[in-house]
Amino acid sequence: MVDSLFNSDGSSRLDKLQQLFDRDTINYICKISLTNRRLEDRLIWKGNTTGCHSVKSAYILEYWNNYISSAWWKHLWKSKIHERLKIFMWKLANHGLSTTSNLLSRNMNLDRIAYVHGCASVESECHVFFHCQVAQVIWFTMPWSIKWEAMTNKTFEEKLSLIASPSVLLPVHSSDQDNFFLYATILMEHLWKIRNSTLHDKISFSLDSTMAWFTHRFHEAKKAITNCNPRHVMPTVTKSSQVIQNFHKCIWIHSDAAVKEGQSTVGVITRNHLSEVQKIRTVHFESDTFQKWQKLMAFYNPYN
């Protein structure tokens, strides 16, 4: 024990120290100032800053030990992809999608075990997003021609890490990693939509329409990122009365849209400076072409 190296008055026992340590270490030990209080040794829990064990701290410690590396999360949250894609990837990485494997792990009784595309495999995240025949075709037809067949030994978490940092295992140049990550997240979200459409709406998978949609969606997302200005500087006004006067002229516009099978619904809510609703308006229209979107936006005026 440590107390065997010191006398009862707190002075060091040089004979003991010389048997165990070299001269430099002994000099450092002798410089240590000891407390006058005689305290008993006790166990310290290293799982938190208080030193006291709790079920919560043990759970958090075990949870993070089995979690995807923090580098994946830093890459995801700092990326410039759409927030909806970030939430989808967060849910996917946390095994929050309603795949058969996730539902079975929660002791749910299921009538369907095999995957919806006719595969004999159990519907797991690895199968749905990487190894299903539909997923393999789509991954291979993307600009980087990704083939996951040689990486069946990789876990789902390791595959997600490869998407964020392709390294030498995927044919993605370092200068093209942002484009690859954007395309991959769009692809994985659409794979889940294909699965749901096949399962619930009985819609057959079409590679031509899927790839055409991917191309449009990718260029649309790239344009949105390019045109995005994260630093929105408000104009400086010196007179407080002018600020109040301009603020009273403001109308806040909140909008949202839903798109399905070429039919879209746009909802717009206008509020005044007191957050009072001034008008609510919804519009239903066909949105299968970009020209129809432009025509609608030119015609529609939320102030009317």
C-alpha atoms as a PDB file:
ATOM      1  CA  MET A   1       0.000   0.000   0.000  1.00  0.00           C
ATOM      2  CA  VAL A   2       1.065   3.606  -0.479  1.00  0.00           C
ATOM      3  CA  ASP A   3       0.999   4.359   3.245  1.00  0.00           C
ATOM      4  CA  SER A   4       3.865   1.884   3.786  1.00  0.00           C
ATOM      5  CA  LEU A   5       6.175   4.364   2.055  1.00  0.00           C
ATOM      6  CA  PHE A   6       5.574   7.048   4.684  1.00  0.00           C
ATOM      7  CA  ASN A   7       6.095   7.323   8.429  1.00  0.00           C
ATOM      8  CA  SER A   8       3.280   8.135  10.839  1.00  0.00           C
ATOM      9  CA  ASP A   9       4.356  11.803  10.907  1.00  0.00           C
ATOM     10  CA  GLY A  10       4.076  12.019   7.091  1.00  0.00           C
ATOM     11  CA  SER A  11       7.789  11.910   6.295  1.00  0.00           C
ATOM     12  CA  SER A  12       9.030   9.587   3.560  1.00  0.00           C
ATOM     13  CA  ARG A  13      10.675   6.255   4.313  1.00  0.00           C
ATOM     14  CA  LEU A  14      13.798   6.554   2.208  1.00  0.00           C
ATOM     15  CA  ASP A  15      14.846   2.952   2.776  1.00  0.00           C
ATOM     16  CA  LYS A  16      11.629   1.688   1.240  1.00  0.00           C
ATOM     17  CA  LEU A  17      11.728   4.211  -1.592  1.00  0.00           C
ATOM     18  CA  GLN A  18      15.322   3.341  -2.497  1.00  0.00           C
ATOM     19  CA  GLN A  19      14.355  -0.303  -2.803  1.00  0.00           C
ATOM     20  CA  LEU A  20      11.569   0.433  -5.277  1.00  0.00           C
ATOM     21  CA  PHE A  21      12.398   3.579  -7.273  1.00  0.00           C
ATOM     22  CA  ASP A  22      15.256   5.456  -8.888  1.00  0.00           C
ATOM     23  CA  ARG A  23      16.655   8.738  -7.567  1.00  0.00           C
ATOM     24  CA  ASP A  24      14.560  11.057  -9.807  1.00  0.00           C
ATOM     25  CA  THR A  25      11.316   9.269  -8.926  1.00  0.00           C
ATOM     26  CA  ILE A  26      12.188   9.422  -5.205  1.00  0.00           C
ATOM     27  CA  ASN A  27      12.707  13.193  -5.478  1.00  0.00           C
ATOM     28  CA  TYR A  28       9.257  13.608  -7.070  1.00  0.00           C
ATOM     29  CA  ILE A  29       7.629  11.424  -4.407  1.00  0.00           C
ATOM     30  CA  CYS A  30       9.240  13.396  -1.593  1.00  0.00           C
ATOM     31  CA  LYS A  31       7.768  16.609  -2.996  1.00  0.00           C
ATOM     32  CA  ILE A  32       4.220  15.264  -2.589  1.00  0.00           C
ATOM     33  CA  SER A  33       2.423  17.014   0.255  1.00  0.00           C
ATOM     34  CA  LEU A  34       0.264  14.667   2.296  1.00  0.00           C
ATOM     35  CA  THR A  35      -2.942  15.527   4.130  1.00  0.00           C
ATOM     36  CA  ASN A  36      -3.092  15.363   7.905  1.00  0.00           C
ATOM     37  CA  ARG A  37      -6.456  13.597   7.761  1.00  0.00           C
ATOM     38  CA  ARG A  38      -6.382   9.836   8.035  1.00  0.00           C
ATOM     39  CA  LEU A  39      -8.829   8.658   5.359  1.00  0.00           C
ATOM     40  CA  GLU A  40      -9.639   5.087   4.469  1.00  0.00           C
ATOM     41  CA  ASP A  41      -9.191   3.806   0.934  1.00  0.00           C
ATOM     42  CA  ARG A  42     -12.371   3.625  -1.159  1.00  0.00           C
ATOM     43  CA  LEU A  43     -13.457   2.538  -4.618  1.00  0.00           C
ATOM     44  CA  ILE A  44     -13.923   5.225  -7.294  1.00  0.00           C
ATOM     45  CA  TRP A  45     -16.277   4.699 -10.275  1.00  0.00           C
ATOM     46  CA  LYS A  46     -14.588   6.024 -13.429  1.00  0.00           C
ATOM     47  CA  GLY A  47     -17.814   6.048 -15.464  1.00  0.00           C
ATOM     48  CA  ASN A  48     -18.684   9.649 -14.489  1.00  0.00           C
ATOM     49  CA  THR A  49     -17.219  12.744 -12.874  1.00  0.00           C
ATOM     50  CA  THR A  50     -18.745  12.160  -9.413  1.00  0.00           C
ATOM     51  CA  GLY A  51     -16.956   8.866  -8.785  1.00  0.00           C
ATOM     52  CA  CYS A  52     -20.192   7.224  -7.647  1.00  0.00           C
ATOM     53  CA  HIS A  53     -21.703   4.288  -9.517  1.00  0.00           C
ATOM     54  CA  SER A  54     -25.226   4.518 -10.926  1.00  0.00           C
ATOM     55  CA  VAL A  55     -27.316   2.426 -13.293  1.00  0.00           C
ATOM     56  CA  LYS A  56     -27.558   5.413 -15.647  1.00  0.00           C
ATOM     57  CA  SER A  57     -23.790   5.904 -15.890  1.00  0.00           C
ATOM     58  CA  ALA A  58     -23.257   2.156 -16.442  1.00  0.00           C
ATOM     59  CA  TYR A  59     -25.864   2.146 -19.229  1.00  0.00           C
ATOM     60  CA  ILE A  60     -24.318   5.181 -20.930  1.00  0.00           C
ATOM     61  CA  LEU A  61     -20.853   3.628 -20.708  1.00  0.00           C
ATOM     62  CA  GLU A  62     -22.038   0.366 -22.271  1.00  0.00           C
ATOM     63  CA  TYR A  63     -24.122   2.222 -24.868  1.00  0.00           C
ATOM     64  CA  TRP A  64     -21.239   4.317 -26.149  1.00  0.00           C
ATOM     65  CA  ASN A  65     -18.848   1.359 -26.184  1.00  0.00           C
ATOM     66  CA  ASN A  66     -21.157  -0.346 -28.694  1.00  0.00           C
ATOM     67  CA  TYR A  67     -21.981   2.838 -30.603  1.00  0.00           C
ATOM     68  CA  ILE A  68     -20.831   3.822 -34.069  1.00  0.00           C
ATOM     69  CA  SER A  69     -17.589   5.779 -33.895  1.00  0.00           C
ATOM     70  CA  SER A  70     -17.961   9.484 -33.210  1.00  0.00           C
ATOM     71  CA  ALA A  71     -16.256  10.253 -36.542  1.00  0.00           C
ATOM     72  CA  TRP A  72     -19.382   8.992 -38.345  1.00  0.00           C
ATOM     73  CA  TRP A  73     -21.682  11.284 -36.366  1.00  0.00           C
ATOM     74  CA  LYS A  74     -19.415  14.292 -36.782  1.00  0.00           C
ATOM     75  CA  HIS A  75     -19.360  13.724 -40.525  1.00  0.00           C
ATOM     76  CA  LEU A  76     -23.140  13.300 -40.680  1.00  0.00           C
ATOM     77  CA  TRP A  77     -24.137  16.372 -38.658  1.00  0.00           C
ATOM     78  CA  LYS A  78     -21.520  18.643 -40.258  1.00  0.00           C
ATOM     79  CA  SER A  79     -22.385  17.576 -43.803  1.00  0.00           C
ATOM     80  CA  LYS A  80     -24.398  19.874 -46.074  1.00  0.00           C
ATOM     81  CA  ILE A  81     -27.080  17.324 -46.948  1.00  0.00           C
ATOM     82  CA  HIS A  82     -30.733  18.140 -46.290  1.00  0.00           C
ATOM     83  CA  GLU A  83     -31.865  17.940 -42.665  1.00  0.00           C
ATOM     84  CA  ARG A  84     -34.470  15.320 -43.586  1.00  0.00           C
ATOM     85  CA  LEU A  85     -31.693  13.086 -44.911  1.00  0.00           C
ATOM     86  CA  LYS A  86     -29.700  13.604 -41.723  1.00  0.00           C
ATOM     87  CA  ILE A  87     -32.674  12.523 -39.597  1.00  0.00           C
ATOM     88  CA  PHE A  88     -33.230   9.481 -41.805  1.00  0.00           C
ATOM     89  CA  MET A  89     -29.565   8.433 -41.551  1.00  0.00           C
ATOM     90  CA  TRP A  90     -29.633   9.024 -37.784  1.00  0.00           C
ATOM     91  CA  LYS A  91     -32.685   6.788 -37.480  1.00  0.00           C
ATOM     92  CA  LEU A  92     -31.126   4.168 -39.746  1.00  0.00           C
ATOM     93  CA  ALA A  93     -27.835   4.125 -37.812  1.00  0.00           C
ATOM     94  CA  ASN A  94     -29.732   3.695 -34.542  1.00  0.00           C
ATOM     95  CA  HIS A  95     -31.700   0.700 -35.908  1.00  0.00           C
ATOM     96  CA  GLY A  96     -34.906   2.690 -35.735  1.00  0.00           C
ATOM     97  CA  LEU A  97     -36.480   1.608 -39.040  1.00  0.00           C
ATOM     98  CA  SER A  98     -39.213  -1.014 -39.022  1.00  0.00           C
ATOM     99  CA  THR A  99     -37.215  -3.783 -40.691  1.00  0.00           C
ATOM    100  CA  THR A 100     -38.068  -7.373 -39.833  1.00  0.00           C
ATOM    101  CA  SER A 101     -34.834  -7.865 -37.886  1.00  0.00           C
ATOM    102  CA  ASN A 102     -35.482  -4.778 -35.759  1.00  0.00           C
ATOM    103  CA  LEU A 103     -39.082  -5.799 -35.052  1.00  0.00           C
ATOM    104  CA  LEU A 104     -38.053  -9.355 -34.143  1.00  0.00           C
ATOM    105  CA  SER A 105     -35.421  -7.993 -31.771  1.00  0.00           C
ATOM    106  CA  ARG A 106     -38.280  -6.236 -29.970  1.00  0.00           C
ATOM    107  CA  ASN A 107     -40.186  -9.544 -29.591  1.00  0.00           C
ATOM    108  CA  MET A 108     -42.919  -8.644 -32.073  1.00  0.00           C
ATOM    109  CA  ASN A 109     -44.911 -11.368 -33.828  1.00  0.00           C
ATOM    110  CA  LEU A 110     -44.704 -11.048 -37.616  1.00  0.00           C
ATOM    111  CA  ASP A 111     -46.470 -12.824 -40.462  1.00  0.00           C
ATOM    112  CA  ARG A 112     -43.742 -11.860 -42.947  1.00  0.00           C
ATOM    113  CA  ILE A 113     -40.084 -12.731 -42.405  1.00  0.00           C
ATOM    114  CA  ALA A 114     -38.505 -12.721 -45.901  1.00  0.00           C
ATOM    115  CA  TYR A 115     -37.778  -9.494 -47.780  1.00  0.00           C
ATOM    116  CA  VAL A 116     -40.471  -8.010 -50.041  1.00  0.00           C
ATOM    117  CA  HIS A 117     -38.469  -8.306 -53.292  1.00  0.00           C
ATOM    118  CA  GLY A 118     -38.603 -12.087 -53.192  1.00  0.00           C
ATOM    119  CA  CYS A 119     -35.274 -12.635 -51.469  1.00  0.00           C
ATOM    120  CA  ALA A 120     -35.017 -15.563 -49.102  1.00  0.00           C
ATOM    121  CA  SER A 121     -32.981 -13.528 -46.597  1.00  0.00           C
ATOM    122  CA  VAL A 122     -34.399 -11.965 -43.461  1.00  0.00           C
ATOM    123  CA  GLU A 123     -35.089  -8.245 -43.899  1.00  0.00           C
ATOM    124  CA  SER A 124     -32.184  -6.602 -42.083  1.00  0.00           C
ATOM    125  CA  GLU A 125     -30.545  -3.223 -42.645  1.00  0.00           C
ATOM    126  CA  CYS A 126     -27.534  -4.830 -44.330  1.00  0.00           C
ATOM    127  CA  HIS A 127     -29.775  -6.725 -46.731  1.00  0.00           C
ATOM    128  CA  VAL A 128     -32.181  -3.879 -47.530  1.00  0.00           C
ATOM    129  CA  PHE A 129     -29.535  -1.217 -48.155  1.00  0.00           C
ATOM    130  CA  PHE A 130     -26.529  -3.194 -49.418  1.00  0.00           C
ATOM    131  CA  HIS A 131     -27.028  -6.835 -50.380  1.00  0.00           C
ATOM    132  CA  CYS A 132     -30.539  -7.121 -51.804  1.00  0.00           C
ATOM    133  CA  GLN A 133     -30.641  -7.595 -55.580  1.00  0.00           C
ATOM    134  CA  VAL A 134     -32.432  -4.252 -55.963  1.00  0.00           C
ATOM    135  CA  ALA A 135     -29.855  -2.473 -53.781  1.00  0.00           C
ATOM    136  CA  GLN A 136     -26.947  -4.078 -55.638  1.00  0.00           C
ATOM    137  CA  VAL A 137     -28.278  -2.935 -59.016  1.00  0.00           C
ATOM    138  CA  ILE A 138     -28.830   0.645 -57.839  1.00  0.00           C
ATOM    139  CA  TRP A 139     -25.437   0.908 -56.118  1.00  0.00           C
ATOM    140  CA  PHE A 140     -23.713  -0.408 -59.253  1.00  0.00           C
ATOM    141  CA  THR A 141     -25.519   2.006 -61.598  1.00  0.00           C
ATOM    142  CA  MET A 142     -24.487   5.050 -59.553  1.00  0.00           C
ATOM    143  CA  PRO A 143     -21.546   7.075 -60.976  1.00  0.00           C
ATOM    144  CA  TRP A 144     -19.007   5.235 -58.792  1.00  0.00           C
ATOM    145  CA  SER A 145     -20.270   1.687 -59.604  1.00  0.00           C
ATOM    146  CA  ILE A 146     -20.128   0.457 -56.010  1.00  0.00           C
ATOM    147  CA  LYS A 147     -20.142  -3.314 -55.437  1.00  0.00           C
ATOM    148  CA  TRP A 148     -20.794  -4.515 -51.873  1.00  0.00           C
ATOM    149  CA  GLU A 149     -20.652  -8.233 -52.700  1.00  0.00           C
ATOM    150  CA  ALA A 150     -16.991  -8.453 -51.661  1.00  0.00           C
ATOM    151  CA  MET A 151     -17.728  -6.837 -48.270  1.00  0.00           C
ATOM    152  CA  THR A 152     -20.231  -9.259 -46.774  1.00  0.00           C
ATOM    153  CA  ASN A 153     -17.896  -9.655 -43.789  1.00  0.00           C
ATOM    154  CA  LYS A 154     -18.295  -5.958 -42.942  1.00  0.00           C
ATOM    155  CA  THR A 155     -20.878  -5.038 -40.309  1.00  0.00           C
ATOM    156  CA  PHE A 156     -23.642  -2.542 -40.992  1.00  0.00           C
ATOM    157  CA  GLU A 157     -21.869   0.089 -38.893  1.00  0.00           C
ATOM    158  CA  GLU A 158     -18.635  -0.448 -40.817  1.00  0.00           C
ATOM    159  CA  LYS A 159     -20.459   0.027 -44.119  1.00  0.00           C
ATOM    160  CA  LEU A 160     -21.910   3.321 -42.893  1.00  0.00           C
ATOM    161  CA  SER A 161     -18.428   4.456 -41.887  1.00  0.00           C
ATOM    162  CA  LEU A 162     -17.185   3.573 -45.381  1.00  0.00           C
ATOM    163  CA  ILE A 163     -19.869   5.799 -46.906  1.00  0.00           C
ATOM    164  CA  ALA A 164     -18.589   8.731 -44.828  1.00  0.00           C
ATOM    165  CA  SER A 165     -14.898   7.872 -45.389  1.00  0.00           C
ATOM    166  CA  PRO A 166     -14.541   5.608 -48.457  1.00  0.00           C
ATOM    167  CA  SER A 167     -10.752   5.154 -47.957  1.00  0.00           C
ATOM    168  CA  VAL A 168      -9.216   2.576 -50.329  1.00  0.00           C
ATOM    169  CA  LEU A 169     -12.067   0.069 -50.175  1.00  0.00           C
ATOM    170  CA  LEU A 170     -14.412   2.083 -52.412  1.00  0.00           C
ATOM    171  CA  PRO A 171     -13.503   3.627 -55.790  1.00  0.00           C
ATOM    172  CA  VAL A 172     -14.165   7.205 -54.656  1.00  0.00           C
ATOM    173  CA  HIS A 173     -11.567   9.950 -55.066  1.00  0.00           C
ATOM    174  CA  SER A 174     -10.908  12.144 -52.031  1.00  0.00           C
ATOM    175  CA  SER A 175     -12.065  15.248 -53.935  1.00  0.00           C
ATOM    176  CA  ASP A 176     -15.376  13.538 -54.691  1.00  0.00           C
ATOM    177  CA  GLN A 177     -16.271  12.319 -51.201  1.00  0.00           C
ATOM    178  CA  ASP A 178     -18.883  15.011 -50.515  1.00  0.00           C
ATOM    179  CA  ASN A 179     -20.725  14.227 -53.747  1.00  0.00           C
ATOM    180  CA  PHE A 180     -20.538  10.510 -52.966  1.00  0.00           C
ATOM    181  CA  PHE A 181     -21.921  10.985 -49.451  1.00  0.00           C
ATOM    182  CA  LEU A 182     -24.785  13.114 -50.775  1.00  0.00           C
ATOM    183  CA  TYR A 183     -25.623  10.602 -53.498  1.00  0.00           C
ATOM    184  CA  ALA A 184     -25.347   7.648 -51.094  1.00  0.00           C
ATOM    185  CA  THR A 185     -27.725   9.163 -48.524  1.00  0.00           C
ATOM    186  CA  ILE A 186     -30.275   9.977 -51.248  1.00  0.00           C
ATOM    187  CA  LEU A 187     -29.896   6.437 -52.565  1.00  0.00           C
ATOM    188  CA  MET A 188     -30.432   4.806 -49.172  1.00  0.00           C
ATOM    189  CA  GLU A 189     -33.483   6.927 -48.410  1.00  0.00           C
ATOM    190  CA  HIS A 190     -34.967   5.967 -51.780  1.00  0.00           C
ATOM    191  CA  LEU A 191     -34.237   2.273 -51.181  1.00  0.00           C
ATOM    192  CA  TRP A 192     -36.431   2.518 -48.108  1.00  0.00           C
ATOM    193  CA  LYS A 193     -39.155   4.226 -50.163  1.00  0.00           C
ATOM    194  CA  ILE A 194     -38.948   1.457 -52.777  1.00  0.00           C
ATOM    195  CA  ARG A 195     -39.338  -1.122 -50.031  1.00  0.00           C
ATOM    196  CA  ASN A 196     -42.401   0.644 -48.603  1.00  0.00           C
ATOM    197  CA  SER A 197     -43.987   1.148 -52.034  1.00  0.00           C
ATOM    198  CA  THR A 198     -43.534  -2.524 -52.863  1.00  0.00           C
ATOM    199  CA  LEU A 199     -44.825  -3.691 -49.501  1.00  0.00           C
ATOM    200  CA  HIS A 200     -47.769  -1.329 -48.974  1.00  0.00           C
ATOM    201  CA  ASP A 201     -48.720  -0.008 -52.433  1.00  0.00           C
ATOM    202  CA  LYS A 202     -47.735  -3.085 -54.491  1.00  0.00           C
ATOM    203  CA  ILE A 203     -45.710  -0.904 -56.895  1.00  0.00           C
ATOM    204  CA  SER A 204     -43.075  -2.804 -58.864  1.00  0.00           C
ATOM    205  CA  PHE A 205     -39.496  -1.552 -58.949  1.00  0.00           C
ATOM    206  CA  SER A 206     -38.406   0.193 -62.157  1.00  0.00           C
ATOM    207  CA  LEU A 207     -34.693   0.845 -62.670  1.00  0.00           C
ATOM    208  CA  ASP A 208     -35.150   3.416 -65.474  1.00  0.00           C
ATOM    209  CA  SER A 209     -37.521   5.639 -63.514  1.00  0.00           C
ATOM    210  CA  THR A 210     -35.436   5.227 -60.363  1.00  0.00           C
ATOM    211  CA  MET A 211     -32.189   6.342 -62.007  1.00  0.00           C
ATOM    212  CA  ALA A 212     -33.904   9.266 -63.734  1.00  0.00           C
ATOM    213  CA  TRP A 213     -35.279  10.324 -60.368  1.00  0.00           C
ATOM    214  CA  PHE A 214     -31.814   9.968 -58.763  1.00  0.00           C
ATOM    215  CA  THR A 215     -30.195  12.193 -61.367  1.00  0.00           C
ATOM    216  CA  HIS A 216     -32.823  14.903 -60.914  1.00  0.00           C
ATOM    217  CA  ARG A 217     -32.734  14.687 -57.117  1.00  0.00           C
ATOM    218  CA  PHE A 218     -28.932  14.774 -56.925  1.00  0.00           C
ATOM    219  CA  HIS A 219     -28.589  17.850 -59.146  1.00  0.00           C
ATOM    220  CA  GLU A 220     -31.421  19.518 -57.269  1.00  0.00           C
ATOM    221  CA  ALA A 221     -29.678  18.884 -53.928  1.00  0.00           C
ATOM    222  CA  LYS A 222     -26.333  20.087 -55.295  1.00  0.00           C
ATOM    223  CA  LYS A 223     -27.930  23.283 -56.557  1.00  0.00           C
ATOM    224  CA  ALA A 224     -29.567  23.880 -53.188  1.00  0.00           C
ATOM    225  CA  ILE A 225     -26.219  23.440 -51.406  1.00  0.00           C
ATOM    226  CA  THR A 226     -24.458  25.768 -53.864  1.00  0.00           C
ATOM    227  CA  ASN A 227     -27.098  28.473 -53.543  1.00  0.00           C
ATOM    228  CA  CYS A 228     -27.317  28.144 -49.771  1.00  0.00           C
ATOM    229  CA  ASN A 229     -25.845  31.090 -47.861  1.00  0.00           C
ATOM    230  CA  PRO A 230     -25.295  30.088 -44.214  1.00  0.00           C
ATOM    231  CA  ARG A 231     -24.337  33.584 -43.192  1.00  0.00           C
ATOM    232  CA  HIS A 232     -27.468  35.647 -43.489  1.00  0.00           C
ATOM    233  CA  VAL A 233     -26.519  39.161 -42.410  1.00  0.00           C
ATOM    234  CA  MET A 234     -29.380  41.340 -41.236  1.00  0.00           C
ATOM    235  CA  PRO A 235     -29.227  45.025 -42.243  1.00  0.00           C
ATOM    236  CA  THR A 236     -27.963  47.356 -39.519  1.00  0.00           C
ATOM    237  CA  VAL A 237     -30.431  50.067 -38.427  1.00  0.00           C
ATOM    238  CA  THR A 238     -29.351  52.756 -35.978  1.00  0.00           C
ATOM    239  CA  LYS A 239     -32.748  54.160 -34.991  1.00  0.00           C
ATOM    240  CA  SER A 240     -34.878  51.934 -32.774  1.00  0.00           C
ATOM    241  CA  SER A 241     -38.077  53.553 -34.046  1.00  0.00           C
ATOM    242  CA  GLN A 242     -37.168  52.526 -37.581  1.00  0.00           C
ATOM    243  CA  VAL A 243     -36.591  48.932 -36.402  1.00  0.00           C
ATOM    244  CA  ILE A 244     -40.041  48.813 -34.809  1.00  0.00           C
ATOM    245  CA  GLN A 245     -41.636  50.383 -37.857  1.00  0.00           C
ATOM    246  CA  ASN A 246     -40.009  47.866 -40.228  1.00  0.00           C
ATOM    247  CA  PHE A 247     -40.827  44.958 -37.925  1.00  0.00           C
ATOM    248  CA  HIS A 248     -44.523  45.877 -37.942  1.00  0.00           C
ATOM    249  CA  LYS A 249     -44.478  45.625 -41.729  1.00  0.00           C
ATOM    250  CA  CYS A 250     -43.200  42.043 -41.684  1.00  0.00           C
ATOM    251  CA  ILE A 251     -45.312  39.080 -42.681  1.00  0.00           C
ATOM    252  CA  TRP A 252     -43.983  35.651 -41.743  1.00  0.00           C
ATOM    253  CA  ILE A 253     -44.600  32.913 -44.306  1.00  0.00           C
ATOM    254  CA  HIS A 254     -44.443  29.232 -43.328  1.00  0.00           C
ATOM    255  CA  SER A 255     -44.774  26.646 -46.073  1.00  0.00           C
ATOM    256  CA  ASP A 256     -44.585  22.895 -46.550  1.00  0.00           C
ATOM    257  CA  ALA A 257     -45.135  20.486 -49.408  1.00  0.00           C
ATOM    258  CA  ALA A 258     -46.021  16.835 -49.951  1.00  0.00           C
ATOM    259  CA  VAL A 259     -45.317  14.987 -53.194  1.00  0.00           C
ATOM    260  CA  LYS A 260     -46.561  11.558 -54.281  1.00  0.00           C
ATOM    261  CA  GLU A 261     -46.905   9.985 -57.719  1.00  0.00           C
ATOM    262  CA  GLY A 262     -46.803  13.291 -59.616  1.00  0.00           C
ATOM    263  CA  GLN A 263     -49.437  14.940 -57.401  1.00  0.00           C
ATOM    264  CA  SER A 264     -48.346  17.626 -54.946  1.00  0.00           C
ATOM    265  CA  THR A 265     -49.905  19.671 -52.190  1.00  0.00           C
ATOM    266  CA  VAL A 266     -48.421  22.957 -51.030  1.00  0.00           C
ATOM    267  CA  GLY A 267     -49.596  24.587 -47.808  1.00  0.00           C
ATOM    268  CA  VAL A 268     -48.800  28.196 -46.882  1.00  0.00           C
ATOM    269  CA  ILE A 269     -49.546  29.994 -43.595  1.00  0.00           C
ATOM    270  CA  THR A 270     -49.018  33.759 -43.264  1.00  0.00           C
ATOM    271  CA  ARG A 271     -48.651  35.455 -39.868  1.00  0.00           C
ATOM    272  CA  ASN A 272     -48.193  39.053 -38.769  1.00  0.00           C
ATOM    273  CA  HIS A 273     -45.537  40.368 -36.378  1.00  0.00           C
ATOM    274  CA  LEU A 274     -47.632  39.146 -33.412  1.00  0.00           C
ATOM    275  CA  SER A 275     -47.648  35.585 -34.810  1.00  0.00           C
ATOM    276  CA  GLU A 276     -51.366  35.868 -35.516  1.00  0.00           C
ATOM    277  CA  VAL A 277     -52.519  33.763 -38.470  1.00  0.00           C
ATOM    278  CA  GLN A 278     -53.565  35.989 -41.353  1.00  0.00           C
ATOM    279  CA  LYS A 279     -54.351  33.390 -44.009  1.00  0.00           C
ATOM    280  CA  ILE A 280     -54.029  29.673 -44.668  1.00  0.00           C
ATOM    281  CA  ARG A 281     -54.018  28.394 -48.228  1.00  0.00           C
ATOM    282  CA  THR A 282     -53.427  24.986 -49.810  1.00  0.00           C
ATOM    283  CA  VAL A 283     -52.935  24.218 -53.486  1.00  0.00           C
ATOM    284  CA  HIS A 284     -53.127  20.818 -55.219  1.00  0.00           C
ATOM    285  CA  PHE A 285     -51.431  20.420 -58.574  1.00  0.00           C
ATOM    286  CA  GLU A 286     -49.496  18.057 -60.829  1.00  0.00           C
ATOM    287  CA  SER A 287     -45.740  18.273 -60.261  1.00  0.00           C
ATOM    288  CA  ASP A 288     -44.240  15.669 -62.535  1.00  0.00           C
ATOM    289  CA  THR A 289     -42.240  18.290 -64.458  1.00  0.00           C
ATOM    290  CA  PHE A 290     -40.153  21.261 -63.344  1.00  0.00           C
ATOM    291  CA  GLN A 291     -41.992  23.546 -65.798  1.00  0.00           C
ATOM    292  CA  LYS A 292     -45.269  22.969 -63.960  1.00  0.00           C
ATOM    293  CA  TRP A 293     -43.568  23.976 -60.705  1.00  0.00           C
ATOM    294  CA  GLN A 294     -42.323  27.206 -62.298  1.00  0.00           C
ATOM    295  CA  LYS A 295     -45.744  27.963 -63.742  1.00  0.00           C
ATOM    296  CA  LEU A 296     -47.399  27.450 -60.387  1.00  0.00           C
ATOM    297  CA  MET A 297     -44.879  29.570 -58.476  1.00  0.00           C
ATOM    298  CA  ALA A 298     -45.275  32.408 -60.976  1.00  0.00           C
ATOM    299  CA  PHE A 299     -49.048  32.257 -60.639  1.00  0.00           C
ATOM    300  CA  TYR A 300     -49.295  31.775 -56.897  1.00  0.00           C
ATOM    301  CA  ASN A 301     -49.101  34.788 -54.592  1.00  0.00           C
ATOM    302  CA  PRO A 302     -49.547  34.135 -50.828  1.00  0.00           C
ATOM    303  CA  TYR A 303     -50.590  37.753 -50.235  1.00  0.00           C
ATOM    304  CA  ASN A 304     -53.763  37.338 -52.280  1.00  0.00           C
END
